[in-house]
């Protein structure tokens, strides 16, 4: 039996590191950095990791809002969405994640686009 994406990404520890690295990249990315200027970064990293853990087949530890509720009224553009995707891919690369897993993560991210962009 194949391991879940959660397990292949290193479980909670691996995913927490990936989420933290991705958010660090977001904070430096000119297209999206200002979106995070008033955020509580440690809380945001925890929420992002927990969402990612749950979304990849790990335990349901996420207690935040759904994607549509979270992003409604933010008027996020395609450019911003793609910047986030680029940062996540870079974080996956930084953590030596395999190609198959990267593709699975991309599939999940793009499946949420309609709940994030221009809502």
PDB file of N, CA and C in Angstrom:
ATOM      1  N   UNK A   1       0.842  -1.186   0.000  1.00  0.00           N
ATOM      2  CA  UNK A   1       0.000   0.000   0.000  1.00  0.00           C
ATOM      3  C   UNK A   1       0.887   1.250   0.000  1.00  0.00           C
ATOM      4  N   UNK A   2       0.536   2.195  -0.847  1.00  0.00           N
ATOM      5  CA  UNK A   2       1.326   3.419  -0.960  1.00  0.00           C
ATOM      6  C   UNK A   2       1.097   4.324   0.251  1.00  0.00           C
ATOM      7  N   UNK A   3       2.159   4.984   0.654  1.00  0.00           N
ATOM      8  CA  UNK A   3       2.059   5.937   1.760  1.00  0.00           C
ATOM      9  C   UNK A   3       1.241   7.145   1.326  1.00  0.00           C
ATOM     10  N   UNK A   4       0.579   7.791   2.275  1.00  0.00           N
ATOM     11  CA  UNK A   4      -0.183   9.007   1.972  1.00  0.00           C
ATOM     12  C   UNK A   4       0.775  10.145   1.645  1.00  0.00           C
ATOM     13  N   UNK A   5       0.263  11.165   1.006  1.00  0.00           N
ATOM     14  CA  UNK A   5       1.075  12.344   0.711  1.00  0.00           C
ATOM     15  C   UNK A   5       1.610  12.935   2.013  1.00  0.00           C
ATOM     16  N   UNK A   6       0.801  12.946   3.036  1.00  0.00           N
ATOM     17  CA  UNK A   6       1.221  13.408   4.358  1.00  0.00           C
ATOM     18  C   UNK A   6       2.489  12.675   4.808  1.00  0.00           C
ATOM     19  N   UNK A   7       2.473  11.362   4.710  1.00  0.00           N
ATOM     20  CA  UNK A   7       3.635  10.566   5.128  1.00  0.00           C
ATOM     21  C   UNK A   7       4.843  10.815   4.227  1.00  0.00           C
ATOM     22  N   UNK A   8       4.605  10.931   2.918  1.00  0.00           N
ATOM     23  CA  UNK A   8       5.708  11.138   1.974  1.00  0.00           C
ATOM     24  C   UNK A   8       6.334  12.527   2.104  1.00  0.00           C
ATOM     25  N   UNK A   9       5.602  13.475   2.679  1.00  0.00           N
ATOM     26  CA  UNK A   9       6.149  14.823   2.904  1.00  0.00           C
ATOM     27  C   UNK A   9       6.841  14.941   4.263  1.00  0.00           C
ATOM     28  N   UNK A  10       6.915  13.851   4.996  1.00  0.00           N
ATOM     29  CA  UNK A  10       7.614  13.862   6.278  1.00  0.00           C
ATOM     30  C   UNK A  10       6.715  14.018   7.477  1.00  0.00           C
ATOM     31  N   UNK A  11       5.417  13.764   7.302  1.00  0.00           N
ATOM     32  CA  UNK A  11       4.484  13.874   8.413  1.00  0.00           C
ATOM     33  C   UNK A  11       4.372  15.298   8.920  1.00  0.00           C
ATOM     34  N   UNK A  12       3.899  15.443  10.120  1.00  0.00           N
ATOM     35  CA  UNK A  12       3.672  16.783  10.693  1.00  0.00           C
ATOM     36  C   UNK A  12       4.955  17.596  10.759  1.00  0.00           C
ATOM     37  N   UNK A  13       6.054  16.956  11.109  1.00  0.00           N
ATOM     38  CA  UNK A  13       7.329  17.685  11.211  1.00  0.00           C
ATOM     39  C   UNK A  13       7.790  18.202   9.851  1.00  0.00           C
ATOM     40  N   UNK A  14       7.751  17.345   8.844  1.00  0.00           N
ATOM     41  CA  UNK A  14       8.178  17.760   7.511  1.00  0.00           C
ATOM     42  C   UNK A  14       7.292  18.850   6.926  1.00  0.00           C
ATOM     43  N   UNK A  15       5.993  18.684   7.085  1.00  0.00           N
ATOM     44  CA  UNK A  15       5.046  19.655   6.542  1.00  0.00           C
ATOM     45  C   UNK A  15       5.146  20.986   7.275  1.00  0.00           C
ATOM     46  N   UNK A  16       5.352  20.957   8.571  1.00  0.00           N
ATOM     47  CA  UNK A  16       5.526  22.200   9.329  1.00  0.00           C
ATOM     48  C   UNK A  16       6.743  22.967   8.816  1.00  0.00           C
ATOM     49  N   UNK A  17       7.815  22.266   8.509  1.00  0.00           N
ATOM     50  CA  UNK A  17       9.020  22.906   7.966  1.00  0.00           C
ATOM     51  C   UNK A  17       8.743  23.490   6.581  1.00  0.00           C
ATOM     52  N   UNK A  18       8.056  22.751   5.730  1.00  0.00           N
ATOM     53  CA  UNK A  18       7.714  23.234   4.388  1.00  0.00           C
ATOM     54  C   UNK A  18       6.847  24.484   4.482  1.00  0.00           C
ATOM     55  N   UNK A  19       5.826  24.456   5.329  1.00  0.00           N
ATOM     56  CA  UNK A  19       4.932  25.612   5.483  1.00  0.00           C
ATOM     57  C   UNK A  19       5.684  26.825   6.006  1.00  0.00           C
ATOM     58  N   UNK A  20       6.572  26.616   6.968  1.00  0.00           N
ATOM     59  CA  UNK A  20       7.361  27.715   7.514  1.00  0.00           C
ATOM     60  C   UNK A  20       8.271  28.313   6.443  1.00  0.00           C
ATOM     61  N   UNK A  21       8.932  27.455   5.683  1.00  0.00           N
ATOM     62  CA  UNK A  21       9.801  27.939   4.607  1.00  0.00           C
ATOM     63  C   UNK A  21       8.999  28.710   3.560  1.00  0.00           C
ATOM     64  N   UNK A  22       7.822  28.205   3.208  1.00  0.00           N
ATOM     65  CA  UNK A  22       6.985  28.879   2.213  1.00  0.00           C
ATOM     66  C   UNK A  22       6.577  30.265   2.704  1.00  0.00           C
ATOM     67  N   UNK A  23       6.170  30.367   3.958  1.00  0.00           N
ATOM     68  CA  UNK A  23       5.774  31.673   4.487  1.00  0.00           C
ATOM     69  C   UNK A  23       6.962  32.624   4.569  1.00  0.00           C
ATOM     70  N   UNK A  24       8.139  32.113   4.900  1.00  0.00           N
ATOM     71  CA  UNK A  24       9.328  32.966   4.886  1.00  0.00           C
ATOM     72  C   UNK A  24       9.575  33.514   3.477  1.00  0.00           C
ATOM     73  N   UNK A  25       9.350  32.687   2.476  1.00  0.00           N
ATOM     74  CA  UNK A  25       9.505  33.137   1.089  1.00  0.00           C
ATOM     75  C   UNK A  25       8.426  34.166   0.729  1.00  0.00           C
ATOM     76  N   UNK A  26       7.193  33.943   1.186  1.00  0.00           N
ATOM     77  CA  UNK A  26       6.117  34.909   0.928  1.00  0.00           C
ATOM     78  C   UNK A  26       6.480  36.293   1.478  1.00  0.00           C
ATOM     79  N   UNK A  27       7.100  36.323   2.648  1.00  0.00           N
ATOM     80  CA  UNK A  27       7.445  37.596   3.293  1.00  0.00           C
ATOM     81  C   UNK A  27       8.494  38.384   2.512  1.00  0.00           C
ATOM     82  N   UNK A  28       9.217  37.718   1.628  1.00  0.00           N
ATOM     83  CA  UNK A  28      10.247  38.360   0.811  1.00  0.00           C
ATOM     84  C   UNK A  28       9.803  38.580  -0.628  1.00  0.00           C
ATOM     85  N   UNK A  29       8.675  38.003  -1.003  1.00  0.00           N
ATOM     86  CA  UNK A  29       8.218  38.045  -2.390  1.00  0.00           C
ATOM     87  C   UNK A  29       7.533  39.390  -2.681  1.00  0.00           C
ATOM     88  N   UNK A  30       8.066  40.165  -3.619  1.00  0.00           N
ATOM     89  CA  UNK A  30       7.507  41.508  -3.869  1.00  0.00           C
ATOM     90  C   UNK A  30       6.028  41.520  -4.260  1.00  0.00           C
ATOM     91  N   UNK A  31       5.547  40.475  -4.891  1.00  0.00           N
ATOM     92  CA  UNK A  31       4.149  40.456  -5.336  1.00  0.00           C
ATOM     93  C   UNK A  31       3.163  40.228  -4.196  1.00  0.00           C
ATOM     94  N   UNK A  32       3.628  39.676  -3.067  1.00  0.00           N
ATOM     95  CA  UNK A  32       2.684  39.312  -2.004  1.00  0.00           C
ATOM     96  C   UNK A  32       3.111  39.715  -0.598  1.00  0.00           C
ATOM     97  N   UNK A  33       4.318  40.188  -0.426  1.00  0.00           N
ATOM     98  CA  UNK A  33       4.831  40.480   0.927  1.00  0.00           C
ATOM     99  C   UNK A  33       3.922  41.420   1.709  1.00  0.00           C
ATOM    100  N   UNK A  34       3.358  42.429   1.040  1.00  0.00           N
ATOM    101  CA  UNK A  34       2.521  43.393   1.755  1.00  0.00           C
ATOM    102  C   UNK A  34       1.244  42.754   2.305  1.00  0.00           C
ATOM    103  N   UNK A  35       0.809  41.653   1.730  1.00  0.00           N
ATOM    104  CA  UNK A  35      -0.381  40.947   2.226  1.00  0.00           C
ATOM    105  C   UNK A  35      -0.171  40.437   3.656  1.00  0.00           C
ATOM    106  N   UNK A  36       1.082  40.273   4.053  1.00  0.00           N
ATOM    107  CA  UNK A  36       1.402  39.686   5.351  1.00  0.00           C
ATOM    108  C   UNK A  36       1.912  40.709   6.363  1.00  0.00           C
ATOM    109  N   UNK A  37       1.918  41.990   5.995  1.00  0.00           N
ATOM    110  CA  UNK A  37       2.541  43.014   6.837  1.00  0.00           C
ATOM    111  C   UNK A  37       1.910  43.153   8.221  1.00  0.00           C
ATOM    112  N   UNK A  38       0.625  42.847   8.361  1.00  0.00           N
ATOM    113  CA  UNK A  38      -0.048  42.996   9.653  1.00  0.00           C
ATOM    114  C   UNK A  38      -0.419  41.640  10.268  1.00  0.00           C
ATOM    115  N   UNK A  39       0.187  40.583   9.740  1.00  0.00           N
ATOM    116  CA  UNK A  39      -0.133  39.234  10.201  1.00  0.00           C
ATOM    117  C   UNK A  39       0.713  38.837  11.403  1.00  0.00           C
ATOM    118  N   UNK A  40       0.143  37.973  12.210  1.00  0.00           N
ATOM    119  CA  UNK A  40       0.897  37.334  13.280  1.00  0.00           C
ATOM    120  C   UNK A  40       1.564  36.117  12.631  1.00  0.00           C
ATOM    121  N   UNK A  41       2.828  36.264  12.281  1.00  0.00           N
ATOM    122  CA  UNK A  41       3.522  35.259  11.479  1.00  0.00           C
ATOM    123  C   UNK A  41       3.579  33.891  12.173  1.00  0.00           C
ATOM    124  N   UNK A  42       3.927  33.799  13.457  1.00  0.00           N
ATOM    125  CA  UNK A  42       3.925  32.462  14.087  1.00  0.00           C
ATOM    126  C   UNK A  42       2.553  31.776  14.037  1.00  0.00           C
ATOM    127  N   UNK A  43       1.487  32.533  14.257  1.00  0.00           N
ATOM    128  CA  UNK A  43       0.143  31.950  14.182  1.00  0.00           C
ATOM    129  C   UNK A  43      -0.198  31.541  12.761  1.00  0.00           C
ATOM    130  N   UNK A  44       0.194  32.371  11.785  1.00  0.00           N
ATOM    131  CA  UNK A  44      -0.072  32.066  10.386  1.00  0.00           C
ATOM    132  C   UNK A  44       0.682  30.820   9.942  1.00  0.00           C
ATOM    133  N   UNK A  45       1.930  30.687  10.385  1.00  0.00           N
ATOM    134  CA  UNK A  45       2.716  29.489  10.054  1.00  0.00           C
ATOM    135  C   UNK A  45       2.058  28.242  10.635  1.00  0.00           C
ATOM    136  N   UNK A  46       1.574  28.340  11.862  1.00  0.00           N
ATOM    137  CA  UNK A  46       0.919  27.194  12.502  1.00  0.00           C
ATOM    138  C   UNK A  46      -0.356  26.817  11.751  1.00  0.00           C
ATOM    139  N   UNK A  47      -1.163  27.815  11.406  1.00  0.00           N
ATOM    140  CA  UNK A  47      -2.409  27.552  10.685  1.00  0.00           C
ATOM    141  C   UNK A  47      -2.133  26.960   9.307  1.00  0.00           C
ATOM    142  N   UNK A  48      -1.134  27.509   8.611  1.00  0.00           N
ATOM    143  CA  UNK A  48      -0.791  26.997   7.282  1.00  0.00           C
ATOM    144  C   UNK A  48      -0.314  25.550   7.377  1.00  0.00           C
ATOM    145  N   UNK A  49       0.530  25.264   8.355  1.00  0.00           N
ATOM    146  CA  UNK A  49       1.018  23.892   8.539  1.00  0.00           C
ATOM    147  C   UNK A  49      -0.140  22.955   8.856  1.00  0.00           C
ATOM    148  N   UNK A  50      -1.023  23.367   9.753  1.00  0.00           N
ATOM    149  CA  UNK A  50      -2.146  22.509  10.130  1.00  0.00           C
ATOM    150  C   UNK A  50      -3.094  22.257   8.964  1.00  0.00           C
ATOM    151  N   UNK A  51      -3.321  23.285   8.139  1.00  0.00           N
ATOM    152  CA  UNK A  51      -4.164  23.119   6.957  1.00  0.00           C
ATOM    153  C   UNK A  51      -3.517  22.133   5.984  1.00  0.00           C
ATOM    154  N   UNK A  52      -2.217  22.301   5.770  1.00  0.00           N
ATOM    155  CA  UNK A  52      -1.445  21.446   4.871  1.00  0.00           C
ATOM    156  C   UNK A  52      -1.411  20.004   5.392  1.00  0.00           C
ATOM    157  N   UNK A  53      -1.243  19.846   6.689  1.00  0.00           N
ATOM    158  CA  UNK A  53      -1.240  18.508   7.308  1.00  0.00           C
ATOM    159  C   UNK A  53      -2.572  17.811   7.049  1.00  0.00           C
ATOM    160  N   UNK A  54      -3.658  18.501   7.328  1.00  0.00           N
ATOM    161  CA  UNK A  54      -4.986  17.928   7.128  1.00  0.00           C
ATOM    162  C   UNK A  54      -5.226  17.634   5.643  1.00  0.00           C
ATOM    163  N   UNK A  55      -4.844  18.553   4.781  1.00  0.00           N
ATOM    164  CA  UNK A  55      -5.110  18.431   3.355  1.00  0.00           C
ATOM    165  C   UNK A  55      -4.301  17.372   2.640  1.00  0.00           C
ATOM    166  N   UNK A  56      -3.270  16.856   3.285  1.00  0.00           N
ATOM    167  CA  UNK A  56      -2.436  15.835   2.658  1.00  0.00           C
ATOM    168  C   UNK A  56      -2.667  14.447   3.248  1.00  0.00           C
ATOM    169  N   UNK A  57      -3.684  14.318   4.081  1.00  0.00           N
ATOM    170  CA  UNK A  57      -4.026  13.017   4.624  1.00  0.00           C
ATOM    171  C   UNK A  57      -3.584  12.785   6.047  1.00  0.00           C
ATOM    172  N   UNK A  58      -3.102  13.832   6.697  1.00  0.00           N
ATOM    173  CA  UNK A  58      -2.696  13.713   8.093  1.00  0.00           C
ATOM    174  C   UNK A  58      -3.871  13.927   9.026  1.00  0.00           C
ATOM    175  N   UNK A  59      -3.582  14.021  10.311  1.00  0.00           N
ATOM    176  CA  UNK A  59      -4.665  14.232  11.279  1.00  0.00           C
ATOM    177  C   UNK A  59      -5.361  15.579  11.066  1.00  0.00           C
ATOM    178  N   UNK A  60      -6.627  15.628  11.423  1.00  0.00           N
ATOM    179  CA  UNK A  60      -7.403  16.859  11.273  1.00  0.00           C
ATOM    180  C   UNK A  60      -7.091  17.783  12.440  1.00  0.00           C
ATOM    181  N   UNK A  61      -6.031  18.575  12.271  1.00  0.00           N
ATOM    182  CA  UNK A  61      -5.595  19.491  13.326  1.00  0.00           C
ATOM    183  C   UNK A  61      -5.922  20.946  12.985  1.00  0.00           C
ATOM    184  N   UNK A  62      -6.511  21.181  11.804  1.00  0.00           N
ATOM    185  CA  UNK A  62      -6.811  22.541  11.360  1.00  0.00           C
ATOM    186  C   UNK A  62      -8.100  23.024  12.000  1.00  0.00           C
ATOM    187  N   UNK A  63      -8.042  24.224  12.596  1.00  0.00           N
ATOM    188  CA  UNK A  63      -9.215  24.790  13.259  1.00  0.00           C
ATOM    189  C   UNK A  63      -9.643  26.112  12.645  1.00  0.00           C
ATOM    190  N   UNK A  64      -9.048  26.479  11.516  1.00  0.00           N
ATOM    191  CA  UNK A  64      -9.339  27.760  10.889  1.00  0.00           C
ATOM    192  C   UNK A  64     -10.553  27.722   9.980  1.00  0.00           C
ATOM    193  N   UNK A  65     -10.747  28.832   9.290  1.00  0.00           N
ATOM    194  CA  UNK A  65     -11.857  28.976   8.356  1.00  0.00           C
ATOM    195  C   UNK A  65     -11.542  28.235   7.062  1.00  0.00           C
ATOM    196  N   UNK A  66     -12.590  27.954   6.283  1.00  0.00           N
ATOM    197  CA  UNK A  66     -12.378  27.348   4.973  1.00  0.00           C
ATOM    198  C   UNK A  66     -11.754  28.391   4.036  1.00  0.00           C
ATOM    199  N   UNK A  67     -11.261  27.946   2.895  1.00  0.00           N
ATOM    200  CA  UNK A  67     -10.521  28.830   1.981  1.00  0.00           C
ATOM    201  C   UNK A  67     -11.380  29.979   1.465  1.00  0.00           C
ATOM    202  N   UNK A  68     -12.622  29.711   1.106  1.00  0.00           N
ATOM    203  CA  UNK A  68     -13.484  30.771   0.577  1.00  0.00           C
ATOM    204  C   UNK A  68     -13.730  31.846   1.624  1.00  0.00           C
ATOM    205  N   UNK A  69     -14.070  31.456   2.828  1.00  0.00           N
ATOM    206  CA  UNK A  69     -14.310  32.419   3.908  1.00  0.00           C
ATOM    207  C   UNK A  69     -13.043  33.207   4.215  1.00  0.00           C
ATOM    208  N   UNK A  70     -11.903  32.538   4.246  1.00  0.00           N
ATOM    209  CA  UNK A  70     -10.629  33.186   4.551  1.00  0.00           C
ATOM    210  C   UNK A  70     -10.269  34.253   3.515  1.00  0.00           C
ATOM    211  N   UNK A  71     -10.526  33.982   2.248  1.00  0.00           N
ATOM    212  CA  UNK A  71     -10.045  34.862   1.178  1.00  0.00           C
ATOM    213  C   UNK A  71     -11.113  35.793   0.606  1.00  0.00           C
ATOM    214  N   UNK A  72     -12.360  35.633   1.026  1.00  0.00           N
ATOM    215  CA  UNK A  72     -13.448  36.466   0.507  1.00  0.00           C
ATOM    216  C   UNK A  72     -13.173  37.944   0.787  1.00  0.00           C
ATOM    217  N   UNK A  73     -13.289  38.762  -0.254  1.00  0.00           N
ATOM    218  CA  UNK A  73     -13.096  40.194  -0.130  1.00  0.00           C
ATOM    219  C   UNK A  73     -11.648  40.659  -0.218  1.00  0.00           C
ATOM    220  N   UNK A  74     -10.707  39.722  -0.327  1.00  0.00           N
ATOM    221  CA  UNK A  74      -9.296  40.098  -0.411  1.00  0.00           C
ATOM    222  C   UNK A  74      -8.881  40.488  -1.832  1.00  0.00           C
ATOM    223  N   UNK A  75      -9.715  40.136  -2.813  1.00  0.00           N
ATOM    224  CA  UNK A  75      -9.449  40.451  -4.212  1.00  0.00           C
ATOM    225  C   UNK A  75      -8.051  39.987  -4.642  1.00  0.00           C
ATOM    226  N   UNK A  76      -7.725  38.764  -4.343  1.00  0.00           N
ATOM    227  CA  UNK A  76      -6.433  38.181  -4.701  1.00  0.00           C
ATOM    228  C   UNK A  76      -6.396  37.966  -6.211  1.00  0.00           C
ATOM    229  N   UNK A  77      -5.302  38.390  -6.814  1.00  0.00           N
ATOM    230  CA  UNK A  77      -5.142  38.292  -8.267  1.00  0.00           C
ATOM    231  C   UNK A  77      -4.473  36.977  -8.670  1.00  0.00           C
ATOM    232  N   UNK A  78      -4.541  36.681  -9.962  1.00  0.00           N
ATOM    233  CA  UNK A  78      -3.832  35.514 -10.492  1.00  0.00           C
ATOM    234  C   UNK A  78      -2.334  35.640 -10.254  1.00  0.00           C
ATOM    235  N   UNK A  79      -1.801  36.850 -10.386  1.00  0.00           N
ATOM    236  CA  UNK A  79      -0.368  37.080 -10.163  1.00  0.00           C
ATOM    237  C   UNK A  79      -0.001  36.714  -8.727  1.00  0.00           C
ATOM    238  N   UNK A  80      -0.813  37.133  -7.772  1.00  0.00           N
ATOM    239  CA  UNK A  80      -0.552  36.819  -6.368  1.00  0.00           C
ATOM    240  C   UNK A  80      -0.684  35.313  -6.109  1.00  0.00           C
ATOM    241  N   UNK A  81      -1.713  34.711  -6.664  1.00  0.00           N
ATOM    242  CA  UNK A  81      -1.899  33.267  -6.495  1.00  0.00           C
ATOM    243  C   UNK A  81      -0.680  32.521  -7.034  1.00  0.00           C
ATOM    244  N   UNK A  82      -0.223  32.900  -8.221  1.00  0.00           N
ATOM    245  CA  UNK A  82       0.936  32.242  -8.827  1.00  0.00           C
ATOM    246  C   UNK A  82       2.206  32.490  -8.017  1.00  0.00           C
ATOM    247  N   UNK A  83       2.332  33.643  -7.396  1.00  0.00           N
ATOM    248  CA  UNK A  83       3.490  33.921  -6.540  1.00  0.00           C
ATOM    249  C   UNK A  83       3.505  32.966  -5.345  1.00  0.00           C
ATOM    250  N   UNK A  84       2.341  32.741  -4.766  1.00  0.00           N
ATOM    251  CA  UNK A  84       2.232  31.801  -3.650  1.00  0.00           C
ATOM    252  C   UNK A  84       2.619  30.392  -4.120  1.00  0.00           C
ATOM    253  N   UNK A  85       2.116  29.993  -5.268  1.00  0.00           N
ATOM    254  CA  UNK A  85       2.445  28.675  -5.821  1.00  0.00           C
ATOM    255  C   UNK A  85       3.957  28.554  -6.023  1.00  0.00           C
ATOM    256  N   UNK A  86       4.564  29.577  -6.619  1.00  0.00           N
ATOM    257  CA  UNK A  86       6.013  29.562  -6.858  1.00  0.00           C
ATOM    258  C   UNK A  86       6.778  29.395  -5.542  1.00  0.00           C
ATOM    259  N   UNK A  87       6.356  30.129  -4.515  1.00  0.00           N
ATOM    260  CA  UNK A  87       7.031  30.030  -3.215  1.00  0.00           C
ATOM    261  C   UNK A  87       6.869  28.641  -2.602  1.00  0.00           C
ATOM    262  N   UNK A  88       5.692  28.073  -2.723  1.00  0.00           N
ATOM    263  CA  UNK A  88       5.473  26.736  -2.179  1.00  0.00           C
ATOM    264  C   UNK A  88       6.330  25.717  -2.925  1.00  0.00           C
ATOM    265  N   UNK A  89       6.395  25.845  -4.234  1.00  0.00           N
ATOM    266  CA  UNK A  89       7.256  24.935  -4.999  1.00  0.00           C
ATOM    267  C   UNK A  89       8.719  25.083  -4.585  1.00  0.00           C
ATOM    268  N   UNK A  90       9.148  26.316  -4.350  1.00  0.00           N
ATOM    269  CA  UNK A  90      10.522  26.538  -3.900  1.00  0.00           C
ATOM    270  C   UNK A  90      10.739  25.916  -2.517  1.00  0.00           C
ATOM    271  N   UNK A  91       9.764  26.054  -1.632  1.00  0.00           N
ATOM    272  CA  UNK A  91       9.871  25.441  -0.300  1.00  0.00           C
ATOM    273  C   UNK A  91       9.934  23.922  -0.402  1.00  0.00           C
ATOM    274  N   UNK A  92       9.160  23.344  -1.299  1.00  0.00           N
ATOM    275  CA  UNK A  92       9.219  21.899  -1.509  1.00  0.00           C
ATOM    276  C   UNK A  92      10.606  21.490  -1.996  1.00  0.00           C
ATOM    277  N   UNK A  93      11.145  22.272  -2.916  1.00  0.00           N
ATOM    278  CA  UNK A  93      12.495  22.014  -3.433  1.00  0.00           C
ATOM    279  C   UNK A  93      13.532  22.119  -2.313  1.00  0.00           C
ATOM    280  N   UNK A  94      13.410  23.152  -1.494  1.00  0.00           N
ATOM    281  CA  UNK A  94      14.341  23.356  -0.374  1.00  0.00           C
ATOM    282  C   UNK A  94      14.330  22.169   0.593  1.00  0.00           C
ATOM    283  N   UNK A  95      13.209  21.468   0.637  1.00  0.00           N
ATOM    284  CA  UNK A  95      13.056  20.341   1.553  1.00  0.00           C
ATOM    285  C   UNK A  95      13.183  18.990   0.846  1.00  0.00           C
ATOM    286  N   UNK A  96      13.762  19.028  -0.353  1.00  0.00           N
ATOM    287  CA  UNK A  96      14.069  17.802  -1.109  1.00  0.00           C
ATOM    288  C   UNK A  96      12.865  16.908  -1.354  1.00  0.00           C
ATOM    289  N   UNK A  97      11.731  17.534  -1.658  1.00  0.00           N
ATOM    290  CA  UNK A  97      10.508  16.787  -1.949  1.00  0.00           C
ATOM    291  C   UNK A  97      10.582  16.282  -3.389  1.00  0.00           C
ATOM    292  N   UNK A  98      10.163  15.049  -3.605  1.00  0.00           N
ATOM    293  CA  UNK A  98      10.212  14.421  -4.921  1.00  0.00           C
ATOM    294  C   UNK A  98       9.218  15.021  -5.911  1.00  0.00           C
ATOM    295  N   UNK A  99       9.465  14.757  -7.184  1.00  0.00           N
ATOM    296  CA  UNK A  99       8.645  15.306  -8.262  1.00  0.00           C
ATOM    297  C   UNK A  99       7.186  14.870  -8.162  1.00  0.00           C
ATOM    298  N   UNK A 100       6.940  13.609  -7.875  1.00  0.00           N
ATOM    299  CA  UNK A 100       5.560  13.113  -7.777  1.00  0.00           C
ATOM    300  C   UNK A 100       4.797  13.868  -6.686  1.00  0.00           C
ATOM    301  N   UNK A 101       5.439  14.079  -5.559  1.00  0.00           N
ATOM    302  CA  UNK A 101       4.802  14.783  -4.450  1.00  0.00           C
ATOM    303  C   UNK A 101       4.563  16.249  -4.810  1.00  0.00           C
ATOM    304  N   UNK A 102       5.512  16.871  -5.490  1.00  0.00           N
ATOM    305  CA  UNK A 102       5.324  18.262  -5.938  1.00  0.00           C
ATOM    306  C   UNK A 102       4.091  18.362  -6.831  1.00  0.00           C
ATOM    307  N   UNK A 103       3.965  17.417  -7.746  1.00  0.00           N
ATOM    308  CA  UNK A 103       2.810  17.428  -8.653  1.00  0.00           C
ATOM    309  C   UNK A 103       1.503  17.250  -7.893  1.00  0.00           C
ATOM    310  N   UNK A 104       1.504  16.392  -6.885  1.00  0.00           N
ATOM    311  CA  UNK A 104       0.294  16.190  -6.080  1.00  0.00           C
ATOM    312  C   UNK A 104      -0.057  17.452  -5.298  1.00  0.00           C
ATOM    313  N   UNK A 105       0.949  18.118  -4.741  1.00  0.00           N
ATOM    314  CA  UNK A 105       0.710  19.369  -4.013  1.00  0.00           C
ATOM    315  C   UNK A 105       0.156  20.422  -4.976  1.00  0.00           C
ATOM    316  N   UNK A 106       0.741  20.527  -6.162  1.00  0.00           N
ATOM    317  CA  UNK A 106       0.247  21.483  -7.161  1.00  0.00           C
ATOM    318  C   UNK A 106      -1.211  21.214  -7.511  1.00  0.00           C
ATOM    319  N   UNK A 107      -1.559  19.962  -7.675  1.00  0.00           N
ATOM    320  CA  UNK A 107      -2.938  19.598  -7.997  1.00  0.00           C
ATOM    321  C   UNK A 107      -3.886  20.099  -6.904  1.00  0.00           C
ATOM    322  N   UNK A 108      -3.504  19.864  -5.655  1.00  0.00           N
ATOM    323  CA  UNK A 108      -4.336  20.304  -4.522  1.00  0.00           C
ATOM    324  C   UNK A 108      -4.458  21.830  -4.521  1.00  0.00           C
ATOM    325  N   UNK A 109      -3.335  22.525  -4.709  1.00  0.00           N
ATOM    326  CA  UNK A 109      -3.352  23.992  -4.685  1.00  0.00           C
ATOM    327  C   UNK A 109      -4.232  24.554  -5.794  1.00  0.00           C
ATOM    328  N   UNK A 110      -4.076  24.036  -7.012  1.00  0.00           N
ATOM    329  CA  UNK A 110      -4.889  24.540  -8.114  1.00  0.00           C
ATOM    330  C   UNK A 110      -6.360  24.187  -7.956  1.00  0.00           C
ATOM    331  N   UNK A 111      -6.662  23.111  -7.248  1.00  0.00           N
ATOM    332  CA  UNK A 111      -8.068  22.761  -7.022  1.00  0.00           C
ATOM    333  C   UNK A 111      -8.761  23.774  -6.110  1.00  0.00           C
ATOM    334  N   UNK A 112      -7.978  24.552  -5.355  1.00  0.00           N
ATOM    335  CA  UNK A 112      -8.548  25.554  -4.446  1.00  0.00           C
ATOM    336  C   UNK A 112      -8.595  26.951  -5.059  1.00  0.00           C
ATOM    337  N   UNK A 113      -8.067  27.112  -6.248  1.00  0.00           N
ATOM    338  CA  UNK A 113      -7.941  28.442  -6.856  1.00  0.00           C
ATOM    339  C   UNK A 113      -9.270  29.200  -6.892  1.00  0.00           C
ATOM    340  N   UNK A 114     -10.345  28.526  -7.238  1.00  0.00           N
ATOM    341  CA  UNK A 114     -11.647  29.204  -7.349  1.00  0.00           C
ATOM    342  C   UNK A 114     -12.155  29.717  -6.006  1.00  0.00           C
ATOM    343  N   UNK A 115     -11.585  29.222  -4.908  1.00  0.00           N
ATOM    344  CA  UNK A 115     -11.966  29.674  -3.568  1.00  0.00           C
ATOM    345  C   UNK A 115     -11.029  30.746  -3.043  1.00  0.00           C
ATOM    346  N   UNK A 116     -10.040  31.134  -3.859  1.00  0.00           N
ATOM    347  CA  UNK A 116      -9.024  32.081  -3.397  1.00  0.00           C
ATOM    348  C   UNK A 116      -8.927  33.318  -4.295  1.00  0.00           C
ATOM    349  N   UNK A 117      -8.914  33.132  -5.593  1.00  0.00           N
ATOM    350  CA  UNK A 117      -8.688  34.239  -6.522  1.00  0.00           C
ATOM    351  C   UNK A 117      -9.998  34.967  -6.849  1.00  0.00           C
ATOM    352  N   UNK A 118      -9.954  36.297  -6.707  1.00  0.00           N
ATOM    353  CA  UNK A 118     -11.069  37.180  -7.101  1.00  0.00           C
ATOM    354  C   UNK A 118     -12.390  36.802  -6.447  1.00  0.00           C
ATOM    355  N   UNK A 119     -12.344  36.447  -5.156  1.00  0.00           N
ATOM    356  CA  UNK A 119     -13.600  36.108  -4.449  1.00  0.00           C
ATOM    357  C   UNK A 119     -13.956  37.202  -3.476  1.00  0.00           C
TER     358      UNK A 119
END
